[in-house]
Protein backbone atom coordinates (compact mmCIF):
# COMPACT_ATOMS: atom_id res chain seq x y z
CA UNK A 1 15.40 18.67 1.41
CA UNK A 2 13.85 16.00 3.07
CA UNK A 3 14.12 15.25 6.45
CA UNK A 4 13.89 12.53 8.61
CA UNK A 5 14.16 12.28 12.51
CA UNK A 6 15.68 9.89 15.30
CA UNK A 7 12.90 9.16 17.67
CA UNK A 8 14.01 6.66 20.79
CA UNK A 9 11.73 3.45 20.68
CA UNK A 10 11.11 2.00 23.81
CA UNK A 11 11.16 -2.17 22.81
CA UNK A 12 10.49 -5.53 25.11
CA UNK A 13 13.61 -6.54 23.38
CA UNK A 14 15.97 -3.85 24.99
CA UNK A 15 17.91 -5.18 27.92
CA UNK A 16 19.49 -2.22 28.96
CA UNK A 17 19.00 1.89 29.30
CA UNK A 18 19.58 2.50 26.07
CA UNK A 19 16.66 3.22 23.66
CA UNK A 20 16.67 1.46 20.28
CA UNK A 21 16.38 4.68 17.68
CA UNK A 22 14.94 4.66 14.32
CA UNK A 23 14.24 6.64 12.03
CA UNK A 24 10.89 8.10 10.89
CA UNK A 25 10.20 9.85 7.48
CA UNK A 26 7.26 11.95 7.38
CA UNK A 27 5.01 10.58 3.73
CA UNK A 28 1.49 11.06 2.45
CA UNK A 29 -0.87 8.75 1.11
CA UNK A 30 -0.82 9.92 -2.93
CA UNK A 31 -4.90 9.34 -2.77
CA UNK A 32 -5.07 13.00 -1.58
CA UNK A 33 -3.96 14.21 -4.81
CA UNK A 34 -5.64 11.67 -7.68
CA UNK A 35 -5.95 14.51 -9.81
CA UNK A 36 -2.05 14.57 -10.34
CA UNK A 37 0.47 12.09 -12.28
CA UNK A 38 2.99 10.07 -9.93
CA UNK A 39 5.81 12.54 -11.40
CA UNK A 40 3.43 15.69 -9.81
CA UNK A 41 2.72 14.05 -6.58
CA UNK A 42 6.37 13.22 -5.99
CA UNK A 43 7.54 16.53 -7.14
CA UNK A 44 4.76 18.07 -4.83
CA UNK A 45 6.38 15.23 -1.63
CA UNK A 46 9.86 16.95 -2.55
CA UNK A 47 8.65 20.20 -2.49
CA UNK A 48 7.22 19.93 1.04
CA UNK A 49 9.89 18.18 1.99
CA UNK A 50 7.89 14.53 2.52
CA UNK A 51 9.93 11.88 2.00
CA UNK A 52 8.14 8.93 1.27
CA UNK A 53 4.87 8.42 -0.37
CA UNK A 54 2.16 5.23 -0.15
CA UNK A 55 0.98 5.20 -3.97
CA UNK A 56 -2.71 3.91 -5.14
CA UNK A 57 -2.57 1.21 -7.48
CA UNK A 58 -6.50 1.14 -7.95
CA UNK A 59 -7.60 -0.93 -11.48
CA UNK A 60 -7.44 1.80 -13.81
CA UNK A 61 -11.40 3.66 -14.08
CA UNK A 62 -14.12 5.05 -12.78
CA UNK A 63 -15.00 4.29 -8.91
CA UNK A 64 -17.86 4.10 -7.16
CA UNK A 65 -16.27 5.49 -3.76
CA UNK A 66 -14.50 8.74 -2.56
CA UNK A 67 -11.09 8.51 -2.39
CA UNK A 68 -10.99 5.00 -4.55
CA UNK A 69 -10.07 4.82 -8.57
CA UNK A 70 -6.89 6.82 -8.11
CA UNK A 71 -4.16 4.45 -9.81
CA UNK A 72 -0.82 6.37 -9.41
CA UNK A 73 0.85 3.49 -10.83
CA UNK A 74 -0.98 0.83 -12.70
CA UNK A 75 -0.27 -2.74 -11.33
CA UNK A 76 -2.61 -4.32 -14.04
CA UNK A 77 0.53 -5.80 -16.99
CA UNK A 78 3.62 -4.65 -14.80
CA UNK A 79 6.62 -5.42 -15.80
CA UNK A 80 10.17 -4.43 -14.60
CA UNK A 81 10.72 -2.38 -17.36
CA UNK A 82 7.37 -0.23 -16.08
CA UNK A 83 9.18 -0.90 -11.97
CA UNK A 84 12.42 0.72 -13.34
CA UNK A 85 10.45 3.67 -15.07
CA UNK A 86 8.54 4.53 -11.96
CA UNK A 87 11.99 4.50 -9.71
CA UNK A 88 13.74 6.86 -12.29
CA UNK A 89 10.83 9.17 -11.07
CA UNK A 90 11.15 8.42 -7.49
CA UNK A 91 15.25 9.14 -8.07
CA UNK A 92 14.48 12.59 -9.80
CA UNK A 93 13.19 13.77 -6.81
CA UNK A 94 14.53 12.17 -4.17
CA UNK A 95 11.61 10.73 -3.01
CA UNK A 96 10.82 7.45 -2.06
CA UNK A 97 7.61 4.95 -2.01
CA UNK A 98 6.76 3.60 1.03
CA UNK A 99 3.88 1.09 -0.15
CA UNK A 100 1.60 0.61 -2.54
CA UNK A 101 -1.70 0.71 -2.06
CA UNK A 102 -5.52 -0.67 -2.76
CA UNK A 103 -8.79 -0.90 -0.25
CA UNK A 104 -11.32 -2.92 -2.21
CA UNK A 105 -13.85 -4.90 0.23
CA UNK A 106 -12.20 -8.70 -0.13
CA UNK A 107 -15.72 -9.70 2.10
CA UNK A 108 -18.07 -8.12 -0.16
CA UNK A 109 -20.94 -9.74 -0.27
CA UNK A 110 -21.54 -9.99 -4.00
CA UNK A 111 -18.52 -12.64 -4.01
CA UNK A 112 -17.79 -11.69 -7.87
CA UNK A 113 -17.06 -8.09 -6.56
CA UNK A 114 -14.76 -9.55 -4.29
CA UNK A 115 -13.29 -11.77 -6.20
CA UNK A 116 -12.33 -8.83 -8.86
CA UNK A 117 -10.41 -6.96 -6.19
CA UNK A 118 -8.70 -10.35 -4.50
CA UNK A 119 -7.33 -10.74 -8.27
CA UNK A 120 -6.29 -7.18 -8.35
CA UNK A 121 -4.67 -7.08 -4.63
CA UNK A 122 -2.82 -10.29 -5.88
CA UNK A 123 -1.54 -7.72 -8.52
CA UNK A 124 -0.57 -5.08 -6.59
CA UNK A 125 1.77 -7.67 -4.11
CA UNK A 126 3.42 -9.84 -7.37
CA UNK A 127 4.17 -5.41 -8.16
CA UNK A 128 5.56 -3.91 -4.41
CA UNK A 129 9.20 -6.31 -5.06
CA UNK A 130 9.95 -5.00 -8.32
CA UNK A 131 10.07 -1.56 -6.26
CA UNK A 132 11.90 -2.75 -3.81
CA UNK A 133 8.89 -2.73 -1.65
CA UNK A 134 7.93 -5.11 1.05
CA UNK A 135 4.97 -3.71 1.93
CA UNK A 136 1.67 -3.03 0.70
CA UNK A 137 -1.93 -1.55 2.10
CA UNK A 138 -5.50 -2.73 2.20
CA UNK A 139 -8.18 -3.16 5.13
CA UNK A 140 -9.61 -5.87 5.80
CA UNK A 141 -13.35 -5.34 4.37
CA UNK A 142 -16.35 -7.05 5.52
CA UNK A 143 -20.02 -8.74 4.40
CA UNK A 144 -22.46 -5.75 6.01
CA UNK A 145 -25.20 -8.45 5.69
CA UNK A 146 -23.44 -9.99 8.36
CA UNK A 147 -22.60 -9.34 12.11
CA UNK A 148 -18.50 -9.09 13.30
CA UNK A 149 -18.63 -12.61 14.05
CA UNK A 150 -20.38 -13.81 11.11
CA UNK A 151 -17.60 -12.34 9.22
CA UNK A 152 -14.90 -14.97 10.71
CA UNK A 153 -15.10 -17.86 8.89
CA UNK A 154 -15.42 -15.72 5.49
CA UNK A 155 -12.18 -13.74 6.75
CA UNK A 156 -10.13 -16.31 7.36
CA UNK A 157 -11.29 -18.45 4.08
CA UNK A 158 -10.24 -15.56 2.05
CA UNK A 159 -7.33 -13.86 4.17
CA UNK A 160 -5.23 -16.77 4.67
CA UNK A 161 -4.34 -17.46 1.21
CA UNK A 162 -3.57 -13.62 0.68
CA UNK A 163 -1.40 -13.58 3.56
CA UNK A 164 0.54 -16.65 2.05
CA UNK A 165 0.69 -15.33 -1.48
CA UNK A 166 2.25 -12.03 -0.57
CA UNK A 167 4.70 -14.07 2.16
CA UNK A 168 5.68 -15.98 -0.97
CA UNK A 169 6.37 -12.38 -2.60
CA UNK A 170 8.34 -11.04 0.21
CA UNK A 171 5.67 -8.83 0.92
CA UNK A 172 3.17 -7.90 4.40
CA UNK A 173 -0.08 -6.85 4.17
CA UNK A 174 -0.80 -3.41 6.35
CA UNK A 175 -4.11 -3.36 7.25
CA UNK A 176 -5.85 -0.21 7.48
CA UNK A 177 -8.06 -0.03 10.75
């Protein structure tokens, strides 16, 4: 079966000597099994006693970089019926989804590329609540033609509306560093 472990966690909010206890679930990112179907990924996770999987939601099609292009959940025109089908697979294997993942470069110097990525990321965000999820994963991106300081204005221009869009859907954006 799936194993979880309780670990004491220190918190600034803790006022006494008793530690706060939380349950940690071990999982992995589905990208590592990109050639498998979602059903096969979750079967593997269950067989290896993983509790959860971060599921990749890249647009369907060929990708240009390693680990991109993996689509275990296609969110393009994602309906509640499709979400229910995905949830049935998770129940079948006893493995939960931790988040939906998509990692475009939202700050790509080619604005058309960036906008395509942002549009699809919004679909990922909108799909998460249909699956009962509150987290999506991504990375910020970068315009590699500029230095870090020169990326800040565009970062704010792009990410403020994305964070607001996510908040409107009850979703948190988790950023890979």
